Structures are given as structure tokens and as C-alpha cells.
Amino acid sequence: MTSEMLLPQQAVPAGGAVLNPFVIVDDAAGFVDFVSGVFGVAEAAEARTEMPGGKLIHAQLRLGTVDLMVADRLDGWPARPGLLQVWVRDVGAVLERAAGRGATVVTAPTPFYGEITLGRMLDAWQNLWWLWAPAPGQPDPEPHWDGGSDLVFGTLDATLRSLRH
């Protein structure tokens, strides 16, 4: 389906995505290092924009075709962490790597619908990541309302409730 309002994917400059997330966190440089280390992607050095005091007003990393943009929270600005979804090759390996860099595993690798494995993590900047990996041949789980596990919803619910301010 095409949209009369959105730029067609093939027309987005530099092969980017039509929609790109932007998060505002404390210690944006540390967050950039975390994302780079966990996902094995490089920061777009030409995009890094520091303010005179050293805070980042803009940094970005490309994950696939999507640019994840980041800035430091300035005085008077609220932090605006994200809820981010990333397709990976191995959910368990990413969670292990992230935990080694200070993230908390929210949902261990879990069979999900449509031959997918799901995992979630909460990083030190309060971004909640959904990690998805194809799992061909993996059977769908039983819905929790039919007696199956409530792990997928329960871990999300508990984590989001713990972040209330």
C-alpha cells in the first residue's frame, strides 16, 4: 500500500527509512557506545553534533535501513527513551551481549507467533527493546488464555509498571 503523504522508500535519501526513532537520554555518548557494542554497528561520525559544553545535540547509528537518532537531555528537557523493535539473527546472543553492557533482560528468548523468537531488554537509559529473530519450524505457543504461558505479556507489564514516575 502506498501513501499520498509518505515519501516512497526508494526516494528516501541515502537509502534510509521513512520513519526513524529519536531518543533523548542522559549520557547520549554512553548510549551510542552501548548500541554500537551490542548490535555491532558504527555511529555515523559525520552526524555527531556536540554543543559547546560537550553534550550531544545529535548523534545517529544506522541499524539496517533505520537511523536511530540520539541527543543528550538538556536542563528543563524530559528524558524521552524509546520502545524499540529490532530484528536480529540470535535473540539470546544479543541479550547476553547487552547484559554484559549493563542491560537487564526483561523477557528471555521465548517462542512467539509466526515462527519468531522474542526477547526483551531494558537498557540503562530506560529504553525498552523488543528483539525478534526468525525461527523457521518453531511451533506457535499456546495463548495464555488457553492455558499457555503468560510470560510474553507478564514481563512487559511488570517492566512498564516499574518505570512509572
N, C-alpha and C. Protein backbone atom coordinates (compact mmCIF):
# COMPACT_ATOMS: atom_id res chain seq x y z
N MET A 1 0.84 -1.18 0.00
CA MET A 1 0.00 0.00 0.00
C MET A 1 0.89 1.24 0.00
N THR A 2 0.57 2.17 -0.83
CA THR A 2 1.32 3.42 -0.87
C THR A 2 0.51 4.51 -0.19
N SER A 3 1.19 5.55 0.20
CA SER A 3 0.56 6.67 0.86
C SER A 3 0.80 7.92 0.05
N GLU A 4 -0.20 8.76 -0.05
CA GLU A 4 -0.04 10.04 -0.74
C GLU A 4 0.78 11.01 0.10
N MET A 5 0.94 10.71 1.39
CA MET A 5 1.64 11.63 2.28
C MET A 5 3.10 11.25 2.51
N LEU A 6 3.41 9.94 2.53
CA LEU A 6 4.77 9.50 2.82
C LEU A 6 5.63 9.46 1.56
N LEU A 7 6.89 9.80 1.74
CA LEU A 7 7.85 9.67 0.65
C LEU A 7 8.05 8.20 0.37
N PRO A 8 8.04 7.78 -0.88
CA PRO A 8 8.28 6.36 -1.18
C PRO A 8 9.66 5.94 -0.68
N GLN A 9 9.77 4.71 -0.18
CA GLN A 9 11.02 4.21 0.39
C GLN A 9 12.20 4.45 -0.54
N GLN A 10 12.04 4.17 -1.81
CA GLN A 10 13.16 4.30 -2.74
C GLN A 10 13.60 5.76 -2.94
N ALA A 11 12.80 6.72 -2.51
CA ALA A 11 13.15 8.13 -2.66
C ALA A 11 13.79 8.73 -1.41
N VAL A 12 13.85 7.97 -0.32
CA VAL A 12 14.45 8.48 0.92
C VAL A 12 15.96 8.62 0.70
N PRO A 13 16.52 9.78 1.00
CA PRO A 13 17.96 9.98 0.80
C PRO A 13 18.81 8.95 1.53
N ALA A 14 19.91 8.60 0.92
CA ALA A 14 20.92 7.69 1.47
C ALA A 14 20.37 6.32 1.84
N GLY A 15 19.29 5.89 1.20
CA GLY A 15 18.74 4.57 1.46
C GLY A 15 18.18 4.39 2.85
N GLY A 16 17.79 5.47 3.48
CA GLY A 16 17.25 5.42 4.84
C GLY A 16 15.80 4.97 4.87
N ALA A 17 15.25 4.97 6.06
CA ALA A 17 13.86 4.54 6.26
C ALA A 17 12.93 5.76 6.27
N VAL A 18 11.67 5.52 6.04
CA VAL A 18 10.66 6.57 6.05
C VAL A 18 10.44 7.08 7.49
N LEU A 19 10.53 6.21 8.46
CA LEU A 19 10.33 6.56 9.87
C LEU A 19 11.57 6.17 10.65
N ASN A 20 12.10 7.10 11.46
CA ASN A 20 13.31 6.85 12.24
C ASN A 20 13.10 7.34 13.66
N PRO A 21 13.42 6.54 14.66
CA PRO A 21 13.23 6.95 16.06
C PRO A 21 14.31 7.93 16.52
N PHE A 22 13.95 8.76 17.49
CA PHE A 22 14.86 9.73 18.10
C PHE A 22 14.64 9.65 19.59
N VAL A 23 15.70 9.36 20.35
CA VAL A 23 15.59 9.28 21.80
C VAL A 23 16.44 10.38 22.44
N ILE A 24 15.96 10.88 23.56
CA ILE A 24 16.68 11.88 24.34
C ILE A 24 16.97 11.25 25.70
N VAL A 25 18.26 11.14 26.02
CA VAL A 25 18.70 10.44 27.22
C VAL A 25 19.80 11.24 27.92
N ASP A 26 20.10 10.88 29.15
CA ASP A 26 21.29 11.38 29.81
C ASP A 26 22.46 10.51 29.34
N ASP A 27 23.60 11.11 29.09
CA ASP A 27 24.79 10.41 28.61
C ASP A 27 24.55 9.76 27.25
N ALA A 28 24.23 10.61 26.28
CA ALA A 28 23.97 10.13 24.92
C ALA A 28 25.20 9.41 24.35
N ALA A 29 26.39 9.90 24.65
CA ALA A 29 27.60 9.24 24.13
C ALA A 29 27.71 7.82 24.66
N GLY A 30 27.38 7.62 25.93
CA GLY A 30 27.39 6.28 26.50
C GLY A 30 26.36 5.38 25.84
N PHE A 31 25.19 5.94 25.55
CA PHE A 31 24.14 5.19 24.87
C PHE A 31 24.59 4.79 23.47
N VAL A 32 25.23 5.71 22.76
CA VAL A 32 25.74 5.40 21.42
C VAL A 32 26.74 4.25 21.51
N ASP A 33 27.63 4.28 22.49
CA ASP A 33 28.59 3.20 22.67
C ASP A 33 27.89 1.87 22.96
N PHE A 34 26.83 1.91 23.79
CA PHE A 34 26.06 0.71 24.11
C PHE A 34 25.45 0.11 22.84
N VAL A 35 24.74 0.92 22.07
CA VAL A 35 24.07 0.42 20.86
C VAL A 35 25.11 -0.10 19.87
N SER A 36 26.19 0.63 19.70
CA SER A 36 27.24 0.20 18.79
C SER A 36 27.83 -1.15 19.22
N GLY A 37 28.09 -1.30 20.51
CA GLY A 37 28.67 -2.53 21.01
C GLY A 37 27.73 -3.72 20.98
N VAL A 38 26.47 -3.50 21.29
CA VAL A 38 25.50 -4.60 21.32
C VAL A 38 25.16 -5.08 19.92
N PHE A 39 24.91 -4.15 19.01
CA PHE A 39 24.42 -4.53 17.69
C PHE A 39 25.52 -4.57 16.62
N GLY A 40 26.74 -4.17 16.98
CA GLY A 40 27.83 -4.23 16.02
C GLY A 40 27.67 -3.25 14.87
N VAL A 41 27.18 -2.05 15.17
CA VAL A 41 27.01 -1.01 14.16
C VAL A 41 27.85 0.20 14.55
N ALA A 42 28.22 0.97 13.56
CA ALA A 42 29.04 2.15 13.82
C ALA A 42 28.17 3.40 13.88
N GLU A 43 28.61 4.33 14.70
CA GLU A 43 27.98 5.65 14.72
C GLU A 43 28.29 6.35 13.40
N ALA A 44 27.35 7.12 12.91
CA ALA A 44 27.59 7.96 11.72
C ALA A 44 28.38 9.18 12.20
N ALA A 45 29.69 9.11 12.08
CA ALA A 45 30.57 10.15 12.64
C ALA A 45 30.23 11.53 12.10
N GLU A 46 29.84 11.61 10.84
CA GLU A 46 29.53 12.91 10.24
C GLU A 46 28.27 13.55 10.82
N ALA A 47 27.45 12.77 11.49
CA ALA A 47 26.21 13.29 12.07
C ALA A 47 26.39 13.79 13.50
N ARG A 48 27.48 13.41 14.16
CA ARG A 48 27.69 13.79 15.57
C ARG A 48 27.81 15.31 15.68
N THR A 49 26.95 15.89 16.53
CA THR A 49 26.95 17.34 16.73
C THR A 49 27.01 17.62 18.22
N GLU A 50 28.15 18.15 18.66
CA GLU A 50 28.33 18.49 20.07
C GLU A 50 28.05 19.96 20.28
N MET A 51 27.46 20.26 21.44
CA MET A 51 27.26 21.64 21.85
C MET A 51 28.54 22.13 22.52
N PRO A 52 28.69 23.44 22.73
CA PRO A 52 29.92 23.95 23.34
C PRO A 52 30.28 23.28 24.67
N GLY A 53 29.31 22.88 25.47
CA GLY A 53 29.58 22.22 26.76
C GLY A 53 29.89 20.74 26.64
N GLY A 54 29.86 20.20 25.44
CA GLY A 54 30.19 18.79 25.23
C GLY A 54 29.00 17.87 25.09
N LYS A 55 27.79 18.35 25.42
CA LYS A 55 26.62 17.48 25.26
C LYS A 55 26.30 17.30 23.78
N LEU A 56 25.76 16.13 23.48
CA LEU A 56 25.37 15.84 22.09
C LEU A 56 23.97 16.36 21.82
N ILE A 57 23.83 17.16 20.81
CA ILE A 57 22.51 17.59 20.38
C ILE A 57 22.01 16.66 19.26
N HIS A 58 22.97 15.89 18.69
CA HIS A 58 22.58 14.91 17.68
C HIS A 58 23.70 13.89 17.49
N ALA A 59 23.29 12.64 17.44
CA ALA A 59 24.16 11.53 17.04
C ALA A 59 23.24 10.50 16.40
N GLN A 60 23.80 9.66 15.55
CA GLN A 60 22.95 8.62 14.97
C GLN A 60 23.74 7.39 14.59
N LEU A 61 23.01 6.29 14.63
CA LEU A 61 23.54 4.99 14.23
C LEU A 61 22.53 4.37 13.28
N ARG A 62 23.02 3.67 12.27
CA ARG A 62 22.11 3.00 11.34
C ARG A 62 22.03 1.53 11.69
N LEU A 63 20.81 1.08 11.93
CA LEU A 63 20.51 -0.33 12.16
C LEU A 63 19.67 -0.77 10.97
N GLY A 64 20.25 -1.52 10.06
CA GLY A 64 19.55 -1.86 8.83
C GLY A 64 19.38 -0.61 7.99
N THR A 65 18.15 -0.25 7.69
CA THR A 65 17.88 0.98 6.93
C THR A 65 17.38 2.11 7.83
N VAL A 66 17.29 1.85 9.13
CA VAL A 66 16.73 2.83 10.06
C VAL A 66 17.85 3.58 10.78
N ASP A 67 17.70 4.89 10.88
CA ASP A 67 18.63 5.71 11.65
C ASP A 67 18.05 5.92 13.04
N LEU A 68 18.78 5.46 14.05
CA LEU A 68 18.41 5.72 15.44
C LEU A 68 19.15 6.99 15.83
N MET A 69 18.38 8.04 16.09
CA MET A 69 18.96 9.33 16.42
C MET A 69 18.89 9.54 17.93
N VAL A 70 19.91 10.22 18.45
CA VAL A 70 20.08 10.35 19.89
C VAL A 70 20.54 11.77 20.23
N ALA A 71 20.06 12.27 21.37
CA ALA A 71 20.56 13.55 21.89
C ALA A 71 20.62 13.46 23.40
N ASP A 72 21.48 14.28 23.99
CA ASP A 72 21.53 14.41 25.44
C ASP A 72 20.34 15.24 25.91
N ARG A 73 19.84 14.89 27.07
CA ARG A 73 18.77 15.68 27.70
C ARG A 73 19.43 16.95 28.24
N LEU A 74 18.84 18.07 27.92
CA LEU A 74 19.32 19.36 28.42
C LEU A 74 18.49 19.78 29.63
N ASP A 75 18.99 20.72 30.40
CA ASP A 75 18.24 21.23 31.56
C ASP A 75 16.84 21.65 31.12
N GLY A 76 15.86 21.18 31.83
CA GLY A 76 14.47 21.51 31.53
C GLY A 76 13.81 20.58 30.53
N TRP A 77 14.58 19.73 29.89
CA TRP A 77 14.01 18.76 28.95
C TRP A 77 13.73 17.45 29.67
N PRO A 78 12.62 16.80 29.37
CA PRO A 78 12.41 15.46 29.93
C PRO A 78 13.20 14.43 29.14
N ALA A 79 13.60 13.38 29.79
CA ALA A 79 14.18 12.25 29.06
C ALA A 79 13.06 11.63 28.23
N ARG A 80 13.38 11.17 27.04
CA ARG A 80 12.39 10.54 26.16
C ARG A 80 12.98 9.25 25.61
N PRO A 81 13.11 8.25 26.50
CA PRO A 81 13.59 6.96 26.00
C PRO A 81 12.56 6.34 25.06
N GLY A 82 12.96 5.31 24.37
CA GLY A 82 12.09 4.72 23.36
C GLY A 82 11.68 3.29 23.66
N LEU A 83 10.69 2.87 22.93
CA LEU A 83 10.27 1.48 22.85
C LEU A 83 10.67 1.06 21.44
N LEU A 84 11.69 0.22 21.33
CA LEU A 84 12.33 -0.03 20.05
C LEU A 84 12.28 -1.51 19.69
N GLN A 85 12.00 -1.80 18.43
CA GLN A 85 11.94 -3.17 17.93
C GLN A 85 13.07 -3.38 16.94
N VAL A 86 13.82 -4.46 17.10
CA VAL A 86 14.94 -4.75 16.22
C VAL A 86 14.91 -6.23 15.83
N TRP A 87 15.07 -6.51 14.54
CA TRP A 87 15.22 -7.87 14.06
C TRP A 87 16.69 -8.24 14.12
N VAL A 88 16.98 -9.36 14.74
CA VAL A 88 18.36 -9.82 14.92
C VAL A 88 18.49 -11.26 14.45
N ARG A 89 19.72 -11.75 14.40
CA ARG A 89 19.96 -13.13 14.00
C ARG A 89 19.74 -14.11 15.14
N ASP A 90 20.13 -13.69 16.37
CA ASP A 90 20.08 -14.57 17.53
C ASP A 90 19.71 -13.76 18.77
N VAL A 91 18.48 -13.89 19.21
CA VAL A 91 17.98 -13.12 20.36
C VAL A 91 18.82 -13.37 21.60
N GLY A 92 19.14 -14.62 21.89
CA GLY A 92 19.92 -14.95 23.08
C GLY A 92 21.30 -14.31 23.07
N ALA A 93 21.96 -14.32 21.93
CA ALA A 93 23.29 -13.73 21.83
C ALA A 93 23.24 -12.23 22.05
N VAL A 94 22.23 -11.57 21.51
CA VAL A 94 22.10 -10.12 21.71
C VAL A 94 21.80 -9.81 23.17
N LEU A 95 20.91 -10.58 23.79
CA LEU A 95 20.61 -10.35 25.20
C LEU A 95 21.86 -10.54 26.07
N GLU A 96 22.64 -11.55 25.77
CA GLU A 96 23.87 -11.81 26.53
C GLU A 96 24.86 -10.65 26.38
N ARG A 97 25.03 -10.20 25.16
CA ARG A 97 25.93 -9.08 24.90
C ARG A 97 25.44 -7.82 25.61
N ALA A 98 24.14 -7.56 25.55
CA ALA A 98 23.56 -6.37 26.18
C ALA A 98 23.68 -6.44 27.70
N ALA A 99 23.43 -7.60 28.27
CA ALA A 99 23.54 -7.76 29.73
C ALA A 99 24.97 -7.48 30.18
N GLY A 100 25.94 -7.87 29.38
CA GLY A 100 27.33 -7.59 29.68
C GLY A 100 27.68 -6.12 29.63
N ARG A 101 26.77 -5.33 29.04
CA ARG A 101 26.96 -3.89 28.95
C ARG A 101 25.95 -3.14 29.81
N GLY A 102 25.37 -3.83 30.80
CA GLY A 102 24.51 -3.18 31.77
C GLY A 102 23.02 -3.24 31.55
N ALA A 103 22.56 -3.88 30.48
CA ALA A 103 21.12 -4.00 30.25
C ALA A 103 20.54 -5.10 31.14
N THR A 104 19.25 -5.01 31.37
CA THR A 104 18.51 -6.02 32.13
C THR A 104 17.66 -6.83 31.16
N VAL A 105 17.76 -8.14 31.24
CA VAL A 105 16.91 -8.99 30.42
C VAL A 105 15.50 -8.94 31.01
N VAL A 106 14.55 -8.55 30.19
CA VAL A 106 13.15 -8.45 30.60
C VAL A 106 12.41 -9.74 30.23
N THR A 107 12.61 -10.20 29.02
CA THR A 107 11.98 -11.43 28.54
C THR A 107 13.08 -12.27 27.89
N ALA A 108 13.37 -13.42 28.46
CA ALA A 108 14.35 -14.34 27.88
C ALA A 108 13.84 -14.80 26.51
N PRO A 109 14.70 -15.34 25.65
CA PRO A 109 14.24 -15.81 24.35
C PRO A 109 13.04 -16.75 24.51
N THR A 110 11.96 -16.40 23.83
CA THR A 110 10.68 -17.07 24.00
C THR A 110 10.02 -17.30 22.65
N PRO A 111 9.50 -18.50 22.40
CA PRO A 111 8.76 -18.71 21.15
C PRO A 111 7.58 -17.74 21.05
N PHE A 112 7.42 -17.16 19.87
CA PHE A 112 6.32 -16.24 19.62
C PHE A 112 5.59 -16.72 18.37
N TYR A 113 4.51 -16.07 18.07
CA TYR A 113 3.67 -16.48 16.95
C TYR A 113 4.33 -16.20 15.61
N GLY A 114 4.03 -17.04 14.63
CA GLY A 114 4.56 -16.84 13.28
C GLY A 114 6.01 -17.27 13.12
N GLU A 115 6.43 -18.31 13.88
CA GLU A 115 7.79 -18.84 13.80
C GLU A 115 8.83 -17.75 14.08
N ILE A 116 8.64 -17.09 15.22
CA ILE A 116 9.51 -16.00 15.65
C ILE A 116 9.93 -16.26 17.09
N THR A 117 11.17 -15.89 17.42
CA THR A 117 11.62 -15.87 18.80
C THR A 117 11.66 -14.42 19.24
N LEU A 118 11.13 -14.15 20.43
CA LEU A 118 11.06 -12.81 21.00
C LEU A 118 11.91 -12.76 22.26
N GLY A 119 12.57 -11.65 22.47
CA GLY A 119 13.25 -11.36 23.72
C GLY A 119 13.14 -9.86 23.96
N ARG A 120 13.27 -9.45 25.21
CA ARG A 120 13.23 -8.02 25.52
C ARG A 120 14.33 -7.67 26.49
N MET A 121 14.80 -6.42 26.39
CA MET A 121 15.79 -5.92 27.34
C MET A 121 15.48 -4.47 27.66
N LEU A 122 15.91 -4.06 28.84
CA LEU A 122 15.81 -2.67 29.27
C LEU A 122 17.23 -2.19 29.46
N ASP A 123 17.61 -1.14 28.73
CA ASP A 123 18.97 -0.64 28.86
C ASP A 123 19.05 0.36 30.02
N ALA A 124 20.25 0.79 30.32
CA ALA A 124 20.47 1.70 31.45
C ALA A 124 19.85 3.08 31.24
N TRP A 125 19.42 3.38 30.03
CA TRP A 125 18.80 4.68 29.72
C TRP A 125 17.28 4.59 29.69
N GLN A 126 16.76 3.43 30.09
CA GLN A 126 15.32 3.16 30.18
C GLN A 126 14.64 2.94 28.83
N ASN A 127 15.42 2.62 27.81
CA ASN A 127 14.84 2.22 26.52
C ASN A 127 14.49 0.74 26.63
N LEU A 128 13.30 0.40 26.19
CA LEU A 128 12.85 -0.99 26.20
C LEU A 128 12.93 -1.51 24.77
N TRP A 129 13.70 -2.57 24.60
CA TRP A 129 13.97 -3.14 23.28
C TRP A 129 13.23 -4.46 23.11
N TRP A 130 12.53 -4.61 21.99
CA TRP A 130 11.94 -5.88 21.56
C TRP A 130 12.92 -6.45 20.55
N LEU A 131 13.40 -7.65 20.77
CA LEU A 131 14.31 -8.32 19.85
C LEU A 131 13.57 -9.49 19.21
N TRP A 132 13.60 -9.54 17.91
CA TRP A 132 12.89 -10.56 17.15
C TRP A 132 13.88 -11.31 16.27
N ALA A 133 13.71 -12.61 16.15
CA ALA A 133 14.51 -13.41 15.23
C ALA A 133 13.62 -14.46 14.58
N PRO A 134 13.81 -14.70 13.29
CA PRO A 134 13.07 -15.77 12.63
C PRO A 134 13.40 -17.11 13.28
N ALA A 135 12.40 -17.96 13.39
CA ALA A 135 12.59 -19.30 13.96
C ALA A 135 11.79 -20.30 13.11
N PRO A 136 12.26 -20.56 11.88
CA PRO A 136 11.52 -21.46 10.98
C PRO A 136 11.26 -22.82 11.62
N GLY A 137 10.03 -23.24 11.51
CA GLY A 137 9.64 -24.54 12.04
C GLY A 137 9.26 -24.56 13.51
N GLN A 138 9.50 -23.48 14.20
CA GLN A 138 9.15 -23.40 15.63
C GLN A 138 7.63 -23.28 15.77
N PRO A 139 7.01 -24.15 16.53
CA PRO A 139 5.55 -24.06 16.67
C PRO A 139 5.14 -22.83 17.47
N ASP A 140 3.96 -22.32 17.16
CA ASP A 140 3.41 -21.20 17.91
C ASP A 140 3.09 -21.63 19.34
N PRO A 141 3.27 -20.74 20.30
CA PRO A 141 2.92 -21.09 21.68
C PRO A 141 1.40 -21.14 21.85
N GLU A 142 0.98 -21.80 22.92
CA GLU A 142 -0.42 -21.78 23.29
C GLU A 142 -0.73 -20.41 23.87
N PRO A 143 -1.82 -19.77 23.47
CA PRO A 143 -2.17 -18.48 24.08
C PRO A 143 -2.39 -18.66 25.58
N HIS A 144 -2.02 -17.67 26.36
CA HIS A 144 -2.15 -17.80 27.81
C HIS A 144 -3.60 -18.01 28.24
N TRP A 145 -4.55 -17.49 27.45
CA TRP A 145 -5.95 -17.68 27.82
C TRP A 145 -6.43 -19.10 27.56
N ASP A 146 -5.60 -19.89 26.84
CA ASP A 146 -5.90 -21.31 26.64
C ASP A 146 -5.01 -22.20 27.50
N GLY A 147 -4.42 -21.63 28.56
CA GLY A 147 -3.59 -22.40 29.47
C GLY A 147 -2.10 -22.30 29.20
N GLY A 148 -1.71 -21.52 28.18
CA GLY A 148 -0.28 -21.36 27.88
C GLY A 148 0.36 -20.32 28.79
N SER A 149 1.63 -20.07 28.54
CA SER A 149 2.42 -19.14 29.35
C SER A 149 1.95 -17.70 29.17
N ASP A 150 2.04 -16.94 30.26
CA ASP A 150 1.74 -15.51 30.24
C ASP A 150 3.05 -14.70 30.25
N LEU A 151 4.16 -15.37 29.96
CA LEU A 151 5.48 -14.75 30.04
C LEU A 151 5.60 -13.52 29.13
N VAL A 152 5.13 -13.60 27.90
CA VAL A 152 5.32 -12.51 26.95
C VAL A 152 4.64 -11.24 27.44
N PHE A 153 3.39 -11.31 27.86
CA PHE A 153 2.71 -10.12 28.37
C PHE A 153 3.15 -9.79 29.79
N GLY A 154 3.30 -10.78 30.62
CA GLY A 154 3.62 -10.54 32.03
C GLY A 154 4.93 -9.81 32.24
N THR A 155 5.98 -10.17 31.48
CA THR A 155 7.27 -9.49 31.65
C THR A 155 7.20 -8.05 31.16
N LEU A 156 6.46 -7.82 30.10
CA LEU A 156 6.28 -6.45 29.59
C LEU A 156 5.50 -5.61 30.60
N ASP A 157 4.41 -6.14 31.07
CA ASP A 157 3.57 -5.42 32.02
C ASP A 157 4.35 -5.05 33.28
N ALA A 158 5.07 -6.00 33.84
CA ALA A 158 5.84 -5.74 35.06
C ALA A 158 6.91 -4.68 34.83
N THR A 159 7.59 -4.74 33.69
CA THR A 159 8.64 -3.77 33.41
C THR A 159 8.07 -2.38 33.22
N LEU A 160 7.03 -2.25 32.43
CA LEU A 160 6.45 -0.92 32.20
C LEU A 160 5.89 -0.32 33.49
N ARG A 161 5.27 -1.15 34.32
CA ARG A 161 4.75 -0.65 35.59
C ARG A 161 5.89 -0.19 36.51
N SER A 162 7.06 -0.82 36.39
CA SER A 162 8.20 -0.43 37.25
C SER A 162 8.80 0.91 36.81
N LEU A 163 8.50 1.35 35.60
CA LEU A 163 9.07 2.60 35.08
C LEU A 163 8.20 3.81 35.35
N ARG A 164 7.06 3.63 35.97
CA ARG A 164 6.17 4.78 36.24
C ARG A 164 6.89 5.82 37.07
N HIS A 165 6.65 7.07 36.75
CA HIS A 165 7.26 8.17 37.53
C HIS A 165 6.20 8.98 38.21
